[in-house]
Amino acid sequence: MRVDVDVELPVALKAVAEPLRWRIVNALAAEELCVCHLTEDLGAPQPLISHHLRVLRDAGVVESEKWRYWTYYRLNTSAVAALGEHLAAMAATAPDPAQQRRPCC
């Protein structure tokens, strides 16, 4: 999956930056879960978990699948990998301190 750095990356980073959403992402890194599992495991109310899952899904970080009466959530691994690759590339190409500095006005 190609990440449009100007649009998708900031949206995805903002989505995972919220502490409860970060906890949801970490939980989904281990297994597919439904809202009731996340509510129980994270100690947050169901409407709040559902809201955060919608934000993560809209940002492309999480995918969902209906199974019988339930909706299961999982990480969109290609999107998460693309985020990680972009951040790693930025870190690898960043100059050392004072190596590349513009003069001040």
PDB file of N, CA and C in Angstrom:
ATOM      1  N   MET A   1       0.836  -1.187   0.000  1.00  0.00           N
ATOM      2  CA  MET A   1       0.000   0.000   0.000  1.00  0.00           C
ATOM      3  C   MET A   1       0.874   1.242   0.000  1.00  0.00           C
ATOM      4  N   ARG A   2       0.603   2.150  -0.911  1.00  0.00           N
ATOM      5  CA  ARG A   2       1.338   3.404  -0.979  1.00  0.00           C
ATOM      6  C   ARG A   2       0.680   4.408  -0.051  1.00  0.00           C
ATOM      7  N   VAL A   3       1.489   5.077   0.755  1.00  0.00           N
ATOM      8  CA  VAL A   3       0.968   6.096   1.657  1.00  0.00           C
ATOM      9  C   VAL A   3       1.194   7.458   1.031  1.00  0.00           C
ATOM     10  N   ASP A   4       0.125   8.234   0.841  1.00  0.00           N
ATOM     11  CA  ASP A   4       0.238   9.608   0.368  1.00  0.00           C
ATOM     12  C   ASP A   4       0.694  10.440   1.560  1.00  0.00           C
ATOM     13  N   VAL A   5       1.974  10.798   1.565  1.00  0.00           N
ATOM     14  CA  VAL A   5       2.592  11.454   2.718  1.00  0.00           C
ATOM     15  C   VAL A   5       1.885  12.750   3.079  1.00  0.00           C
ATOM     16  N   ASP A   6       1.398  13.490   2.080  1.00  0.00           N
ATOM     17  CA  ASP A   6       0.773  14.776   2.356  1.00  0.00           C
ATOM     18  C   ASP A   6      -0.579  14.640   3.027  1.00  0.00           C
ATOM     19  N   VAL A   7      -1.282  13.525   2.818  1.00  0.00           N
ATOM     20  CA  VAL A   7      -2.632  13.399   3.342  1.00  0.00           C
ATOM     21  C   VAL A   7      -2.745  12.272   4.359  1.00  0.00           C
ATOM     22  N   GLU A   8      -2.452  11.061   3.959  1.00  0.00           N
ATOM     23  CA  GLU A   8      -2.728   9.895   4.780  1.00  0.00           C
ATOM     24  C   GLU A   8      -1.819   9.773   6.000  1.00  0.00           C
ATOM     25  N   LEU A   9      -0.559  10.086   5.855  1.00  0.00           N
ATOM     26  CA  LEU A   9       0.363   9.937   6.972  1.00  0.00           C
ATOM     27  C   LEU A   9      -0.018  10.818   8.163  1.00  0.00           C
ATOM     28  N   PRO A  10      -0.263  12.108   7.982  1.00  0.00           N
ATOM     29  CA  PRO A  10      -0.664  12.921   9.134  1.00  0.00           C
ATOM     30  C   PRO A  10      -1.970  12.456   9.774  1.00  0.00           C
ATOM     31  N   VAL A  11      -2.915  12.021   8.969  1.00  0.00           N
ATOM     32  CA  VAL A  11      -4.193  11.538   9.508  1.00  0.00           C
ATOM     33  C   VAL A  11      -3.970  10.277  10.338  1.00  0.00           C
ATOM     34  N   ALA A  12      -3.190   9.347   9.813  1.00  0.00           N
ATOM     35  CA  ALA A  12      -2.919   8.105  10.531  1.00  0.00           C
ATOM     36  C   ALA A  12      -2.120   8.366  11.805  1.00  0.00           C
ATOM     37  N   LEU A  13      -1.125   9.243  11.720  1.00  0.00           N
ATOM     38  CA  LEU A  13      -0.327   9.551  12.911  1.00  0.00           C
ATOM     39  C   LEU A  13      -1.178  10.229  13.991  1.00  0.00           C
ATOM     40  N   LYS A  14      -2.055  11.137  13.568  1.00  0.00           N
ATOM     41  CA  LYS A  14      -2.948  11.794  14.530  1.00  0.00           C
ATOM     42  C   LYS A  14      -3.877  10.766  15.169  1.00  0.00           C
ATOM     43  N   ALA A  15      -4.352   9.824  14.362  1.00  0.00           N
ATOM     44  CA  ALA A  15      -5.259   8.806  14.885  1.00  0.00           C
ATOM     45  C   ALA A  15      -4.593   7.946  15.957  1.00  0.00           C
ATOM     46  N   VAL A  16      -3.371   7.518  15.715  1.00  0.00           N
ATOM     47  CA  VAL A  16      -2.709   6.629  16.687  1.00  0.00           C
ATOM     48  C   VAL A  16      -2.073   7.394  17.840  1.00  0.00           C
ATOM     49  N   ALA A  17      -1.993   8.719  17.742  1.00  0.00           N
ATOM     50  CA  ALA A  17      -1.344   9.507  18.794  1.00  0.00           C
ATOM     51  C   ALA A  17      -2.199   9.638  20.055  1.00  0.00           C
ATOM     52  N   GLU A  18      -3.497   9.454  19.929  1.00  0.00           N
ATOM     53  CA  GLU A  18      -4.376   9.545  21.099  1.00  0.00           C
ATOM     54  C   GLU A  18      -4.120   8.318  21.973  1.00  0.00           C
ATOM     55  N   PRO A  19      -3.931   8.492  23.295  1.00  0.00           N
ATOM     56  CA  PRO A  19      -3.508   7.373  24.150  1.00  0.00           C
ATOM     57  C   PRO A  19      -4.409   6.128  24.116  1.00  0.00           C
ATOM     58  N   LEU A  20      -5.718   6.290  24.158  1.00  0.00           N
ATOM     59  CA  LEU A  20      -6.581   5.107  24.134  1.00  0.00           C
ATOM     60  C   LEU A  20      -6.529   4.427  22.770  1.00  0.00           C
ATOM     61  N   ARG A  21      -6.461   5.215  21.712  1.00  0.00           N
ATOM     62  CA  ARG A  21      -6.348   4.603  20.386  1.00  0.00           C
ATOM     63  C   ARG A  21      -5.024   3.852  20.251  1.00  0.00           C
ATOM     64  N   TRP A  22      -3.967   4.385  20.836  1.00  0.00           N
ATOM     65  CA  TRP A  22      -2.671   3.683  20.816  1.00  0.00           C
ATOM     66  C   TRP A  22      -2.789   2.344  21.539  1.00  0.00           C
ATOM     67  N   ARG A  23      -3.525   2.327  22.650  1.00  0.00           N
ATOM     68  CA  ARG A  23      -3.730   1.069  23.387  1.00  0.00           C
ATOM     69  C   ARG A  23      -4.544   0.083  22.546  1.00  0.00           C
ATOM     70  N   ILE A  24      -5.537   0.594  21.811  1.00  0.00           N
ATOM     71  CA  ILE A  24      -6.330  -0.267  20.927  1.00  0.00           C
ATOM     72  C   ILE A  24      -5.444  -0.860  19.836  1.00  0.00           C
ATOM     73  N   VAL A  25      -4.608  -0.034  19.220  1.00  0.00           N
ATOM     74  CA  VAL A  25      -3.695  -0.509  18.171  1.00  0.00           C
ATOM     75  C   VAL A  25      -2.771  -1.591  18.732  1.00  0.00           C
ATOM     76  N   ASN A  26      -2.253  -1.383  19.920  1.00  0.00           N
ATOM     77  CA  ASN A  26      -1.376  -2.393  20.532  1.00  0.00           C
ATOM     78  C   ASN A  26      -2.126  -3.688  20.810  1.00  0.00           C
ATOM     79  N   ALA A  27      -3.364  -3.587  21.263  1.00  0.00           N
ATOM     80  CA  ALA A  27      -4.163  -4.789  21.509  1.00  0.00           C
ATOM     81  C   ALA A  27      -4.431  -5.533  20.202  1.00  0.00           C
ATOM     82  N   LEU A  28      -4.739  -4.786  19.140  1.00  0.00           N
ATOM     83  CA  LEU A  28      -5.019  -5.412  17.854  1.00  0.00           C
ATOM     84  C   LEU A  28      -3.763  -5.954  17.182  1.00  0.00           C
ATOM     85  N   ALA A  29      -2.607  -5.538  17.635  1.00  0.00           N
ATOM     86  CA  ALA A  29      -1.357  -6.092  17.115  1.00  0.00           C
ATOM     87  C   ALA A  29      -1.186  -7.545  17.553  1.00  0.00           C
ATOM     88  N   ALA A  30      -1.865  -7.923  18.621  1.00  0.00           N
ATOM     89  CA  ALA A  30      -1.741  -9.285  19.141  1.00  0.00           C
ATOM     90  C   ALA A  30      -2.809 -10.226  18.589  1.00  0.00           C
ATOM     91  N   GLU A  31      -4.020  -9.686  18.339  1.00  0.00           N
ATOM     92  CA  GLU A  31      -5.109 -10.548  17.866  1.00  0.00           C
ATOM     93  C   GLU A  31      -6.276  -9.713  17.363  1.00  0.00           C
ATOM     94  N   GLU A  32      -7.141 -10.339  16.572  1.00  0.00           N
ATOM     95  CA  GLU A  32      -8.381  -9.699  16.154  1.00  0.00           C
ATOM     96  C   GLU A  32      -9.327  -9.686  17.343  1.00  0.00           C
ATOM     97  N   LEU A  33      -9.999  -8.559  17.534  1.00  0.00           N
ATOM     98  CA  LEU A  33     -10.878  -8.411  18.695  1.00  0.00           C
ATOM     99  C   LEU A  33     -12.170  -7.720  18.302  1.00  0.00           C
ATOM    100  N   CYS A  34     -13.220  -7.969  19.081  1.00  0.00           N
ATOM    101  CA  CYS A  34     -14.459  -7.219  18.892  1.00  0.00           C
ATOM    102  C   CYS A  34     -14.532  -6.145  19.983  1.00  0.00           C
ATOM    103  N   VAL A  35     -15.517  -5.289  19.873  1.00  0.00           N
ATOM    104  CA  VAL A  35     -15.645  -4.170  20.808  1.00  0.00           C
ATOM    105  C   VAL A  35     -15.766  -4.664  22.245  1.00  0.00           C
ATOM    106  N   CYS A  36     -16.512  -5.755  22.462  1.00  0.00           N
ATOM    107  CA  CYS A  36     -16.687  -6.246  23.841  1.00  0.00           C
ATOM    108  C   CYS A  36     -15.349  -6.667  24.452  1.00  0.00           C
ATOM    109  N   HIS A  37     -14.458  -7.255  23.647  1.00  0.00           N
ATOM    110  CA  HIS A  37     -13.131  -7.624  24.157  1.00  0.00           C
ATOM    111  C   HIS A  37     -12.344  -6.377  24.553  1.00  0.00           C
ATOM    112  N   LEU A  38     -12.354  -5.377  23.673  1.00  0.00           N
ATOM    113  CA  LEU A  38     -11.598  -4.147  23.938  1.00  0.00           C
ATOM    114  C   LEU A  38     -12.162  -3.407  25.148  1.00  0.00           C
ATOM    115  N   THR A  39     -13.479  -3.389  25.279  1.00  0.00           N
ATOM    116  CA  THR A  39     -14.113  -2.739  26.430  1.00  0.00           C
ATOM    117  C   THR A  39     -13.647  -3.389  27.728  1.00  0.00           C
ATOM    118  N   GLU A  40     -13.655  -4.707  27.726  1.00  0.00           N
ATOM    119  CA  GLU A  40     -13.240  -5.452  28.911  1.00  0.00           C
ATOM    120  C   GLU A  40     -11.743  -5.293  29.185  1.00  0.00           C
ATOM    121  N   ASP A  41     -10.928  -5.459  28.155  1.00  0.00           N
ATOM    122  CA  ASP A  41      -9.472  -5.424  28.329  1.00  0.00           C
ATOM    123  C   ASP A  41      -8.946  -4.033  28.674  1.00  0.00           C
ATOM    124  N   LEU A  42      -9.549  -2.991  28.095  1.00  0.00           N
ATOM    125  CA  LEU A  42      -9.030  -1.640  28.284  1.00  0.00           C
ATOM    126  C   LEU A  42      -9.786  -0.847  29.341  1.00  0.00           C
ATOM    127  N   GLY A  43     -10.890  -1.383  29.832  1.00  0.00           N
ATOM    128  CA  GLY A  43     -11.638  -0.712  30.890  1.00  0.00           C
ATOM    129  C   GLY A  43     -12.266   0.606  30.457  1.00  0.00           C
ATOM    130  N   ALA A  44     -12.665   0.685  29.209  1.00  0.00           N
ATOM    131  CA  ALA A  44     -13.289   1.901  28.685  1.00  0.00           C
ATOM    132  C   ALA A  44     -14.714   1.565  28.246  1.00  0.00           C
ATOM    133  N   PRO A  45     -15.615   2.544  28.277  1.00  0.00           N
ATOM    134  CA  PRO A  45     -16.999   2.272  27.877  1.00  0.00           C
ATOM    135  C   PRO A  45     -17.125   1.944  26.394  1.00  0.00           C
ATOM    136  N   GLN A  46     -18.117   1.125  26.064  1.00  0.00           N
ATOM    137  CA  GLN A  46     -18.330   0.663  24.695  1.00  0.00           C
ATOM    138  C   GLN A  46     -18.483   1.808  23.698  1.00  0.00           C
ATOM    139  N   PRO A  47     -19.267   2.861  23.993  1.00  0.00           N
ATOM    140  CA  PRO A  47     -19.383   3.931  22.995  1.00  0.00           C
ATOM    141  C   PRO A  47     -18.048   4.617  22.691  1.00  0.00           C
ATOM    142  N   LEU A  48     -17.207   4.748  23.703  1.00  0.00           N
ATOM    143  CA  LEU A  48     -15.899   5.374  23.504  1.00  0.00           C
ATOM    144  C   LEU A  48     -14.998   4.487  22.655  1.00  0.00           C
ATOM    145  N   ILE A  49     -14.992   3.190  22.937  1.00  0.00           N
ATOM    146  CA  ILE A  49     -14.196   2.252  22.143  1.00  0.00           C
ATOM    147  C   ILE A  49     -14.675   2.275  20.689  1.00  0.00           C
ATOM    148  N   SER A  50     -15.987   2.251  20.485  1.00  0.00           N
ATOM    149  CA  SER A  50     -16.537   2.273  19.128  1.00  0.00           C
ATOM    150  C   SER A  50     -16.143   3.547  18.386  1.00  0.00           C
ATOM    151  N   HIS A  51     -16.187   4.671  19.080  1.00  0.00           N
ATOM    152  CA  HIS A  51     -15.784   5.942  18.464  1.00  0.00           C
ATOM    153  C   HIS A  51     -14.325   5.885  18.013  1.00  0.00           C
ATOM    154  N   HIS A  52     -13.451   5.414  18.903  1.00  0.00           N
ATOM    155  CA  HIS A  52     -12.024   5.353  18.571  1.00  0.00           C
ATOM    156  C   HIS A  52     -11.746   4.359  17.440  1.00  0.00           C
ATOM    157  N   LEU A  53     -12.469   3.256  17.416  1.00  0.00           N
ATOM    158  CA  LEU A  53     -12.311   2.306  16.319  1.00  0.00           C
ATOM    159  C   LEU A  53     -12.731   2.929  14.990  1.00  0.00           C
ATOM    160  N   ARG A  54     -13.778   3.732  15.001  1.00  0.00           N
ATOM    161  CA  ARG A  54     -14.206   4.405  13.777  1.00  0.00           C
ATOM    162  C   ARG A  54     -13.122   5.363  13.282  1.00  0.00           C
ATOM    163  N   VAL A  55     -12.508   6.119  14.207  1.00  0.00           N
ATOM    164  CA  VAL A  55     -11.433   7.035  13.821  1.00  0.00           C
ATOM    165  C   VAL A  55     -10.262   6.262  13.229  1.00  0.00           C
ATOM    166  N   LEU A  56      -9.884   5.164  13.867  1.00  0.00           N
ATOM    167  CA  LEU A  56      -8.776   4.346  13.375  1.00  0.00           C
ATOM    168  C   LEU A  56      -9.108   3.709  12.025  1.00  0.00           C
ATOM    169  N   ARG A  57     -10.341   3.289  11.859  1.00  0.00           N
ATOM    170  CA  ARG A  57     -10.764   2.704  10.584  1.00  0.00           C
ATOM    171  C   ARG A  57     -10.770   3.763   9.479  1.00  0.00           C
ATOM    172  N   ASP A  58     -11.293   4.945   9.786  1.00  0.00           N
ATOM    173  CA  ASP A  58     -11.318   6.039   8.800  1.00  0.00           C
ATOM    174  C   ASP A  58      -9.907   6.468   8.390  1.00  0.00           C
ATOM    175  N   ALA A  59      -8.953   6.342   9.316  1.00  0.00           N
ATOM    176  CA  ALA A  59      -7.563   6.703   9.027  1.00  0.00           C
ATOM    177  C   ALA A  59      -6.824   5.590   8.292  1.00  0.00           C
ATOM    178  N   GLY A  60      -7.463   4.427   8.143  1.00  0.00           N
ATOM    179  CA  GLY A  60      -6.848   3.321   7.423  1.00  0.00           C
ATOM    180  C   GLY A  60      -5.944   2.439   8.265  1.00  0.00           C
ATOM    181  N   VAL A  61      -5.919   2.661   9.567  1.00  0.00           N
ATOM    182  CA  VAL A  61      -5.027   1.906  10.453  1.00  0.00           C
ATOM    183  C   VAL A  61      -5.647   0.567  10.843  1.00  0.00           C
ATOM    184  N   VAL A  62      -6.970   0.522  10.906  1.00  0.00           N
ATOM    185  CA  VAL A  62      -7.704  -0.659  11.366  1.00  0.00           C
ATOM    186  C   VAL A  62      -8.703  -1.078  10.288  1.00  0.00           C
ATOM    187  N   GLU A  63      -8.918  -2.372  10.177  1.00  0.00           N
ATOM    188  CA  GLU A  63      -9.935  -2.933   9.280  1.00  0.00           C
ATOM    189  C   GLU A  63     -10.947  -3.688  10.128  1.00  0.00           C
ATOM    190  N   SER A  64     -12.146  -3.873   9.584  1.00  0.00           N
ATOM    191  CA  SER A  64     -13.168  -4.614  10.310  1.00  0.00           C
ATOM    192  C   SER A  64     -13.795  -5.659   9.405  1.00  0.00           C
ATOM    193  N   GLU A  65     -14.359  -6.687  10.056  1.00  0.00           N
ATOM    194  CA  GLU A  65     -15.024  -7.764   9.320  1.00  0.00           C
ATOM    195  C   GLU A  65     -16.179  -8.277  10.165  1.00  0.00           C
ATOM    196  N   LYS A  66     -17.331  -8.380   9.549  1.00  0.00           N
ATOM    197  CA  LYS A  66     -18.504  -8.942  10.235  1.00  0.00           C
ATOM    198  C   LYS A  66     -18.357 -10.456  10.303  1.00  0.00           C
ATOM    199  N   TRP A  67     -18.668 -11.010  11.466  1.00  0.00           N
ATOM    200  CA  TRP A  67     -18.693 -12.451  11.654  1.00  0.00           C
ATOM    201  C   TRP A  67     -19.877 -12.766  12.549  1.00  0.00           C
ATOM    202  N   ARG A  68     -20.875 -13.398  11.982  1.00  0.00           N
ATOM    203  CA  ARG A  68     -22.147 -13.665  12.640  1.00  0.00           C
ATOM    204  C   ARG A  68     -22.752 -12.362  13.146  1.00  0.00           C
ATOM    205  N   TYR A  69     -22.905 -12.227  14.456  1.00  0.00           N
ATOM    206  CA  TYR A  69     -23.511 -11.019  15.036  1.00  0.00           C
ATOM    207  C   TYR A  69     -22.494  -9.944  15.367  1.00  0.00           C
ATOM    208  N   TRP A  70     -21.214 -10.239  15.291  1.00  0.00           N
ATOM    209  CA  TRP A  70     -20.166  -9.368  15.788  1.00  0.00           C
ATOM    210  C   TRP A  70     -19.332  -8.775  14.662  1.00  0.00           C
ATOM    211  N   THR A  71     -18.678  -7.698  14.993  1.00  0.00           N
ATOM    212  CA  THR A  71     -17.697  -7.105  14.090  1.00  0.00           C
ATOM    213  C   THR A  71     -16.336  -7.252  14.751  1.00  0.00           C
ATOM    214  N   TYR A  72     -15.428  -7.886  14.047  1.00  0.00           N
ATOM    215  CA  TYR A  72     -14.065  -8.059  14.543  1.00  0.00           C
ATOM    216  C   TYR A  72     -13.158  -7.023  13.893  1.00  0.00           C
ATOM    217  N   TYR A  73     -12.205  -6.531  14.667  1.00  0.00           N
ATOM    218  CA  TYR A  73     -11.264  -5.511  14.204  1.00  0.00           C
ATOM    219  C   TYR A  73      -9.862  -6.089  14.202  1.00  0.00           C
ATOM    220  N   ARG A  74      -9.078  -5.645  13.231  1.00  0.00           N
ATOM    221  CA  ARG A  74      -7.672  -6.059  13.122  1.00  0.00           C
ATOM    222  C   ARG A  74      -6.874  -4.896  12.546  1.00  0.00           C
ATOM    223  N   LEU A  75      -5.572  -4.945  12.738  1.00  0.00           N
ATOM    224  CA  LEU A  75      -4.712  -3.925  12.154  1.00  0.00           C
ATOM    225  C   LEU A  75      -4.671  -4.076  10.641  1.00  0.00           C
ATOM    226  N   ASN A  76      -4.609  -2.969   9.960  1.00  0.00           N
ATOM    227  CA  ASN A  76      -4.303  -2.964   8.532  1.00  0.00           C
ATOM    228  C   ASN A  76      -2.778  -2.987   8.480  1.00  0.00           C
ATOM    229  N   THR A  77      -2.222  -4.180   8.416  1.00  0.00           N
ATOM    230  CA  THR A  77      -0.774  -4.345   8.566  1.00  0.00           C
ATOM    231  C   THR A  77       0.015  -3.618   7.485  1.00  0.00           C
ATOM    232  N   SER A  78      -0.512  -3.554   6.276  1.00  0.00           N
ATOM    233  CA  SER A  78       0.234  -2.860   5.225  1.00  0.00           C
ATOM    234  C   SER A  78       0.294  -1.358   5.506  1.00  0.00           C
ATOM    235  N   ALA A  79      -0.779  -0.789   6.035  1.00  0.00           N
ATOM    236  CA  ALA A  79      -0.776   0.643   6.364  1.00  0.00           C
ATOM    237  C   ALA A  79       0.168   0.930   7.528  1.00  0.00           C
ATOM    238  N   VAL A  80       0.142   0.081   8.541  1.00  0.00           N
ATOM    239  CA  VAL A  80       1.023   0.276   9.694  1.00  0.00           C
ATOM    240  C   VAL A  80       2.485   0.099   9.274  1.00  0.00           C
ATOM    241  N   ALA A  81       2.752  -0.874   8.418  1.00  0.00           N
ATOM    242  CA  ALA A  81       4.112  -1.077   7.917  1.00  0.00           C
ATOM    243  C   ALA A  81       4.577   0.126   7.102  1.00  0.00           C
ATOM    244  N   ALA A  82       3.689   0.685   6.274  1.00  0.00           N
ATOM    245  CA  ALA A  82       4.053   1.858   5.473  1.00  0.00           C
ATOM    246  C   ALA A  82       4.368   3.054   6.366  1.00  0.00           C
ATOM    247  N   LEU A  83       3.599   3.224   7.442  1.00  0.00           N
ATOM    248  CA  LEU A  83       3.893   4.307   8.393  1.00  0.00           C
ATOM    249  C   LEU A  83       5.276   4.116   9.005  1.00  0.00           C
ATOM    250  N   GLY A  84       5.542   2.889   9.444  1.00  0.00           N
ATOM    251  CA  GLY A  84       6.835   2.594  10.042  1.00  0.00           C
ATOM    252  C   GLY A  84       7.989   2.798   9.079  1.00  0.00           C
ATOM    253  N   GLU A  85       7.799   2.374   7.829  1.00  0.00           N
ATOM    254  CA  GLU A  85       8.848   2.543   6.825  1.00  0.00           C
ATOM    255  C   GLU A  85       9.125   4.013   6.546  1.00  0.00           C
ATOM    256  N   HIS A  86       8.072   4.807   6.480  1.00  0.00           N
ATOM    257  CA  HIS A  86       8.264   6.236   6.224  1.00  0.00           C
ATOM    258  C   HIS A  86       9.002   6.898   7.393  1.00  0.00           C
ATOM    259  N   LEU A  87       8.607   6.574   8.608  1.00  0.00           N
ATOM    260  CA  LEU A  87       9.288   7.152   9.774  1.00  0.00           C
ATOM    261  C   LEU A  87      10.742   6.689   9.847  1.00  0.00           C
ATOM    262  N   ALA A  88      10.987   5.424   9.544  1.00  0.00           N
ATOM    263  CA  ALA A  88      12.357   4.910   9.560  1.00  0.00           C
ATOM    264  C   ALA A  88      13.209   5.595   8.493  1.00  0.00           C
ATOM    265  N   ALA A  89      12.631   5.838   7.306  1.00  0.00           N
ATOM    266  CA  ALA A  89      13.363   6.528   6.240  1.00  0.00           C
ATOM    267  C   ALA A  89      13.696   7.958   6.644  1.00  0.00           C
ATOM    268  N   MET A  90      12.766   8.624   7.314  1.00  0.00           N
ATOM    269  CA  MET A  90      13.041   9.987   7.793  1.00  0.00           C
ATOM    270  C   MET A  90      14.190   9.978   8.790  1.00  0.00           C
ATOM    271  N   ALA A  91      14.168   9.033   9.712  1.00  0.00           N
ATOM    272  CA  ALA A  91      15.224   8.956  10.725  1.00  0.00           C
ATOM    273  C   ALA A  91      16.575   8.633  10.087  1.00  0.00           C
ATOM    274  N   ALA A  92      16.564   7.773   9.081  1.00  0.00           N
ATOM    275  CA  ALA A  92      17.818   7.363   8.437  1.00  0.00           C
ATOM    276  C   ALA A  92      18.450   8.485   7.622  1.00  0.00           C
ATOM    277  N   THR A  93      17.644   9.387   7.105  1.00  0.00           N
ATOM    278  CA  THR A  93      18.186  10.445   6.243  1.00  0.00           C
ATOM    279  C   THR A  93      18.333  11.788   6.955  1.00  0.00           C
ATOM    280  N   ALA A  94      17.903  11.871   8.197  1.00  0.00           N
ATOM    281  CA  ALA A  94      18.022  13.132   8.940  1.00  0.00           C
ATOM    282  C   ALA A  94      19.505  13.431   9.204  1.00  0.00           C
ATOM    283  N   PRO A  95      19.920  14.674   9.033  1.00  0.00           N
ATOM    284  CA  PRO A  95      21.329  15.013   9.258  1.00  0.00           C
ATOM    285  C   PRO A  95      21.683  14.985  10.747  1.00  0.00           C
ATOM    286  N   ASP A  96      22.959  14.814  11.002  1.00  0.00           N
ATOM    287  CA  ASP A  96      23.449  14.892  12.383  1.00  0.00           C
ATOM    288  C   ASP A  96      23.303  16.323  12.883  1.00  0.00           C
ATOM    289  N   PRO A  97      23.287  16.527  14.209  1.00  0.00           N
ATOM    290  CA  PRO A  97      23.159  17.885  14.749  1.00  0.00           C
ATOM    291  C   PRO A  97      24.241  18.813  14.185  1.00  0.00           C
ATOM    292  N   ALA A  98      23.825  20.005  13.801  1.00  0.00           N
ATOM    293  CA  ALA A  98      24.689  21.072  13.268  1.00  0.00           C
ATOM    294  C   ALA A  98      25.340  20.722  11.933  1.00  0.00           C
ATOM    295  N   GLN A  99      24.982  19.612  11.334  1.00  0.00           N
ATOM    296  CA  GLN A  99      25.575  19.213  10.064  1.00  0.00           C
ATOM    297  C   GLN A  99      24.965  20.000   8.906  1.00  0.00           C
ATOM    298  N   GLN A 100      23.678  20.213   8.954  1.00  0.00           N
ATOM    299  CA  GLN A 100      22.992  20.913   7.876  1.00  0.00           C
ATOM    300  C   GLN A 100      22.052  21.935   8.506  1.00  0.00           C
ATOM    301  N   ARG A 101      22.491  23.177   8.504  1.00  0.00           N
ATOM    302  CA  ARG A 101      21.741  24.224   9.182  1.00  0.00           C
ATOM    303  C   ARG A 101      21.638  25.440   8.284  1.00  0.00           C
ATOM    304  N   ARG A 102      20.445  26.000   8.159  1.00  0.00           N
ATOM    305  CA  ARG A 102      20.272  27.230   7.407  1.00  0.00           C
ATOM    306  C   ARG A 102      20.682  28.409   8.277  1.00  0.00           C
ATOM    307  N   PRO A 103      21.304  29.395   7.688  1.00  0.00           N
ATOM    308  CA  PRO A 103      21.606  30.588   8.470  1.00  0.00           C
ATOM    309  C   PRO A 103      20.288  31.314   8.805  1.00  0.00           C
ATOM    310  N   CYS A 104      20.264  31.922   9.971  1.00  0.00           N
ATOM    311  CA  CYS A 104      19.099  32.710  10.377  1.00  0.00           C
ATOM    312  C   CYS A 104      19.068  34.021   9.630  1.00  0.00           C
ATOM    313  N   CYS A 105      17.905  34.602   9.564  1.00  0.00           N
ATOM    314  CA  CYS A 105      17.724  35.869   8.852  1.00  0.00           C
ATOM    315  C   CYS A 105      18.438  36.998   9.561  1.00  0.00           C
TER     316      CYS A 105
END
